């Protein structure tokens, strides 16, 4: 259908959905992670200015994530460890 073939800023790899979440929830994207299992997820995260974590059995060609883990559990553990080891603003 022609109406669904046009580009949409909310459709990955465009970062619109991440920008909207950041606005609605007062999220600092520069201190955030996008965790996903596809090049579109990683692309959206990069375009939104987040760090990126690829969840896949092996790194994907042509997908430059900041980190890679085999399982979602491993990915979220990494993100949490990183968050806890990064000094937080006291304001």
N, C-alpha and C. Protein backbone atom coordinates (compact mmCIF):
# COMPACT_ATOMS: atom_id res chain seq x y z
N UNK A 1 0.84 -1.17 0.00
CA UNK A 1 0.00 0.00 0.00
C UNK A 1 0.90 1.24 0.00
N UNK A 2 0.63 2.17 -0.88
CA UNK A 2 1.47 3.37 -1.02
C UNK A 2 1.62 4.17 0.27
N UNK A 3 0.58 4.27 1.09
CA UNK A 3 0.67 5.05 2.33
C UNK A 3 1.73 4.50 3.28
N UNK A 4 2.00 3.22 3.21
CA UNK A 4 2.95 2.60 4.12
C UNK A 4 4.35 2.50 3.54
N UNK A 5 4.56 2.96 2.33
CA UNK A 5 5.87 2.91 1.69
C UNK A 5 6.70 4.16 1.91
N UNK A 6 6.11 5.19 2.44
CA UNK A 6 6.85 6.43 2.64
C UNK A 6 7.69 6.33 3.93
N UNK A 7 8.78 7.07 3.97
CA UNK A 7 9.62 7.06 5.18
C UNK A 7 8.86 7.62 6.38
N UNK A 8 9.13 7.07 7.52
CA UNK A 8 8.51 7.53 8.76
C UNK A 8 9.61 7.73 9.80
N UNK A 9 9.65 8.87 10.47
CA UNK A 9 10.71 9.11 11.45
C UNK A 9 10.62 8.20 12.67
N UNK A 10 9.51 7.51 12.83
CA UNK A 10 9.35 6.64 13.99
C UNK A 10 9.71 5.18 13.68
N UNK A 11 10.05 4.92 12.45
CA UNK A 11 10.38 3.55 12.05
C UNK A 11 11.88 3.32 11.99
N UNK A 12 12.36 2.33 12.72
CA UNK A 12 13.80 2.05 12.71
C UNK A 12 14.26 1.73 11.30
N UNK A 13 15.43 2.17 10.92
CA UNK A 13 16.51 2.70 11.75
C UNK A 13 16.44 4.20 12.04
N UNK A 14 15.37 4.87 11.66
CA UNK A 14 15.22 6.27 12.06
C UNK A 14 15.06 6.32 13.59
N UNK A 15 15.55 7.36 14.24
CA UNK A 15 15.55 7.40 15.70
C UNK A 15 14.31 8.02 16.33
N UNK A 16 13.28 8.28 15.55
CA UNK A 16 12.11 9.00 16.06
C UNK A 16 11.49 8.41 17.30
N UNK A 17 11.35 7.10 17.36
CA UNK A 17 10.72 6.47 18.52
C UNK A 17 11.59 6.67 19.77
N UNK A 18 12.91 6.67 19.61
CA UNK A 18 13.80 6.90 20.75
C UNK A 18 13.76 8.37 21.18
N UNK A 19 13.70 9.28 20.21
CA UNK A 19 13.59 10.70 20.55
C UNK A 19 12.27 10.98 21.28
N UNK A 20 11.20 10.34 20.84
CA UNK A 20 9.90 10.54 21.50
C UNK A 20 9.93 10.01 22.93
N UNK A 21 10.51 8.82 23.12
CA UNK A 21 10.62 8.26 24.47
C UNK A 21 11.46 9.17 25.36
N UNK A 22 12.56 9.69 24.81
CA UNK A 22 13.42 10.58 25.59
C UNK A 22 12.66 11.84 26.01
N UNK A 23 11.88 12.37 25.11
CA UNK A 23 11.07 13.56 25.43
C UNK A 23 10.01 13.23 26.47
N UNK A 24 9.27 12.17 26.25
CA UNK A 24 8.16 11.82 27.15
C UNK A 24 8.63 11.43 28.56
N UNK A 25 9.79 10.79 28.65
CA UNK A 25 10.25 10.23 29.91
C UNK A 25 11.46 10.96 30.50
N UNK A 26 11.85 12.09 29.90
CA UNK A 26 13.00 12.87 30.35
C UNK A 26 14.26 12.00 30.44
N UNK A 27 14.56 11.31 29.36
CA UNK A 27 15.72 10.42 29.28
C UNK A 27 16.85 11.15 28.57
N UNK A 28 18.04 11.04 29.12
CA UNK A 28 19.24 11.59 28.49
C UNK A 28 19.79 10.51 27.57
N UNK A 29 19.58 10.66 26.27
CA UNK A 29 20.01 9.63 25.32
C UNK A 29 21.53 9.45 25.32
N UNK A 30 22.28 10.48 25.64
CA UNK A 30 23.74 10.35 25.65
C UNK A 30 24.22 9.44 26.77
N UNK A 31 23.36 9.16 27.75
CA UNK A 31 23.71 8.27 28.86
C UNK A 31 22.93 6.96 28.75
N UNK A 32 22.32 6.71 27.60
CA UNK A 32 21.46 5.56 27.43
C UNK A 32 22.06 4.52 26.49
N UNK A 33 21.47 3.35 26.52
CA UNK A 33 21.85 2.25 25.64
C UNK A 33 20.65 1.83 24.82
N UNK A 34 20.89 1.47 23.58
CA UNK A 34 19.89 0.78 22.76
C UNK A 34 20.38 -0.65 22.63
N UNK A 35 19.55 -1.58 23.08
CA UNK A 35 19.87 -3.01 23.02
C UNK A 35 18.96 -3.64 21.99
N UNK A 36 19.55 -4.31 21.01
CA UNK A 36 18.73 -4.92 19.97
C UNK A 36 19.44 -6.05 19.26
N UNK A 37 18.66 -6.73 18.43
CA UNK A 37 19.19 -7.91 17.75
C UNK A 37 19.26 -7.76 16.23
N UNK A 38 19.15 -6.52 15.76
CA UNK A 38 19.18 -6.33 14.31
C UNK A 38 19.95 -5.06 13.95
N UNK A 39 20.42 -5.00 12.72
CA UNK A 39 21.09 -3.77 12.27
C UNK A 39 20.20 -2.53 12.39
N UNK A 40 18.89 -2.69 12.21
CA UNK A 40 17.98 -1.54 12.35
C UNK A 40 17.97 -1.01 13.78
N UNK A 41 18.00 -1.91 14.77
CA UNK A 41 18.03 -1.49 16.17
C UNK A 41 19.30 -0.69 16.45
N UNK A 42 20.43 -1.23 15.99
CA UNK A 42 21.72 -0.58 16.23
C UNK A 42 21.78 0.76 15.50
N UNK A 43 21.27 0.81 14.27
CA UNK A 43 21.24 2.06 13.51
C UNK A 43 20.41 3.13 14.19
N UNK A 44 19.26 2.75 14.72
CA UNK A 44 18.40 3.71 15.42
C UNK A 44 19.11 4.24 16.66
N UNK A 45 19.74 3.35 17.40
CA UNK A 45 20.47 3.77 18.60
C UNK A 45 21.61 4.72 18.28
N UNK A 46 22.35 4.41 17.23
CA UNK A 46 23.46 5.29 16.82
C UNK A 46 22.92 6.66 16.42
N UNK A 47 21.87 6.68 15.62
CA UNK A 47 21.30 7.96 15.16
C UNK A 47 20.72 8.78 16.32
N UNK A 48 20.26 8.10 17.36
CA UNK A 48 19.70 8.80 18.52
C UNK A 48 20.78 9.26 19.50
N UNK A 49 22.01 8.79 19.30
CA UNK A 49 23.09 9.20 20.17
C UNK A 49 23.28 8.34 21.40
N UNK A 50 22.75 7.11 21.38
CA UNK A 50 22.94 6.20 22.50
C UNK A 50 24.14 5.30 22.25
N UNK A 51 24.58 4.62 23.28
CA UNK A 51 25.50 3.51 23.08
C UNK A 51 24.65 2.36 22.56
N UNK A 52 25.29 1.41 21.91
CA UNK A 52 24.51 0.31 21.33
C UNK A 52 25.07 -1.03 21.74
N UNK A 53 24.16 -1.99 21.93
CA UNK A 53 24.51 -3.35 22.30
C UNK A 53 23.77 -4.30 21.37
N UNK A 54 24.53 -5.08 20.64
CA UNK A 54 23.96 -6.09 19.75
C UNK A 54 23.81 -7.40 20.50
N UNK A 55 22.62 -7.97 20.45
CA UNK A 55 22.37 -9.29 21.03
C UNK A 55 22.25 -10.27 19.87
N UNK A 56 23.27 -11.13 19.74
CA UNK A 56 23.30 -12.11 18.66
C UNK A 56 24.35 -13.15 18.99
N UNK A 57 24.19 -14.32 18.43
CA UNK A 57 25.16 -15.40 18.68
C UNK A 57 26.56 -15.00 18.25
N UNK A 58 26.65 -14.22 17.20
CA UNK A 58 27.94 -13.74 16.69
C UNK A 58 27.75 -12.33 16.17
N UNK A 59 28.81 -11.51 16.16
CA UNK A 59 28.67 -10.16 15.60
C UNK A 59 28.17 -10.23 14.15
N UNK A 60 27.35 -9.28 13.79
CA UNK A 60 26.81 -9.22 12.43
C UNK A 60 27.70 -8.35 11.56
N UNK A 61 27.95 -8.80 10.34
CA UNK A 61 28.74 -7.99 9.42
C UNK A 61 28.03 -6.68 9.15
N UNK A 62 28.79 -5.63 9.02
CA UNK A 62 28.29 -4.29 8.68
C UNK A 62 27.38 -3.72 9.77
N UNK A 63 27.52 -4.22 11.01
CA UNK A 63 26.76 -3.68 12.14
C UNK A 63 27.76 -3.31 13.22
N UNK A 64 28.02 -2.02 13.37
CA UNK A 64 29.05 -1.54 14.29
C UNK A 64 28.45 -1.14 15.63
N UNK A 65 28.09 -2.12 16.43
CA UNK A 65 27.59 -1.85 17.77
C UNK A 65 28.75 -1.54 18.69
N UNK A 66 28.48 -0.82 19.77
CA UNK A 66 29.51 -0.53 20.76
C UNK A 66 29.93 -1.78 21.53
N UNK A 67 29.01 -2.71 21.67
CA UNK A 67 29.30 -3.97 22.37
C UNK A 67 28.41 -5.06 21.79
N UNK A 68 28.80 -6.29 22.08
CA UNK A 68 28.07 -7.46 21.58
C UNK A 68 28.01 -8.50 22.70
N UNK A 69 26.85 -9.09 22.88
CA UNK A 69 26.69 -10.20 23.81
C UNK A 69 25.77 -11.22 23.15
N UNK A 70 25.91 -12.46 23.57
CA UNK A 70 25.16 -13.55 22.95
C UNK A 70 23.71 -13.61 23.41
N UNK A 71 23.44 -13.17 24.63
CA UNK A 71 22.07 -13.25 25.16
C UNK A 71 21.63 -11.90 25.71
N UNK A 72 20.34 -11.74 25.81
CA UNK A 72 19.78 -10.51 26.38
C UNK A 72 20.22 -10.35 27.83
N UNK A 73 20.24 -11.44 28.57
CA UNK A 73 20.66 -11.40 29.97
C UNK A 73 22.10 -10.89 30.08
N UNK A 74 23.01 -11.40 29.25
CA UNK A 74 24.39 -10.94 29.27
C UNK A 74 24.48 -9.46 28.87
N UNK A 75 23.68 -9.07 27.90
CA UNK A 75 23.70 -7.67 27.44
C UNK A 75 23.23 -6.74 28.56
N UNK A 76 22.14 -7.09 29.21
CA UNK A 76 21.61 -6.22 30.26
C UNK A 76 22.53 -6.19 31.47
N UNK A 77 23.19 -7.30 31.76
CA UNK A 77 24.17 -7.32 32.86
C UNK A 77 25.32 -6.36 32.55
N UNK A 78 25.78 -6.37 31.31
CA UNK A 78 26.85 -5.47 30.90
C UNK A 78 26.41 -4.01 31.04
N UNK A 79 25.24 -3.70 30.56
CA UNK A 79 24.73 -2.32 30.63
C UNK A 79 24.60 -1.89 32.10
N UNK A 80 24.07 -2.75 32.94
CA UNK A 80 23.91 -2.42 34.36
C UNK A 80 25.26 -2.21 35.03
N UNK A 81 26.23 -3.08 34.76
CA UNK A 81 27.58 -2.91 35.32
C UNK A 81 28.17 -1.58 34.86
N UNK A 82 28.00 -1.26 33.59
CA UNK A 82 28.53 0.01 33.06
C UNK A 82 27.86 1.18 33.77
N UNK A 83 26.56 1.12 33.93
CA UNK A 83 25.81 2.20 34.56
C UNK A 83 26.25 2.39 36.01
N UNK A 84 26.44 1.30 36.74
CA UNK A 84 26.82 1.39 38.14
C UNK A 84 28.26 1.87 38.33
N UNK A 85 29.10 1.65 37.33
CA UNK A 85 30.51 2.07 37.45
C UNK A 85 30.75 3.47 36.94
N UNK A 86 29.75 4.10 36.31
CA UNK A 86 29.87 5.45 35.77
C UNK A 86 29.40 6.45 36.83
N UNK A 87 30.22 7.44 37.16
CA UNK A 87 29.78 8.44 38.15
C UNK A 87 28.49 9.11 37.68
N UNK A 88 27.57 9.25 38.59
CA UNK A 88 26.28 9.88 38.30
C UNK A 88 26.31 11.34 38.70
N UNK A 89 25.57 12.17 38.00
CA UNK A 89 25.44 13.58 38.38
C UNK A 89 24.76 13.67 39.73
N UNK A 90 25.22 14.55 40.55
CA UNK A 90 24.64 14.73 41.88
C UNK A 90 23.61 15.86 41.91
N UNK A 91 23.31 16.44 40.75
CA UNK A 91 22.36 17.57 40.74
C UNK A 91 20.94 17.10 40.71
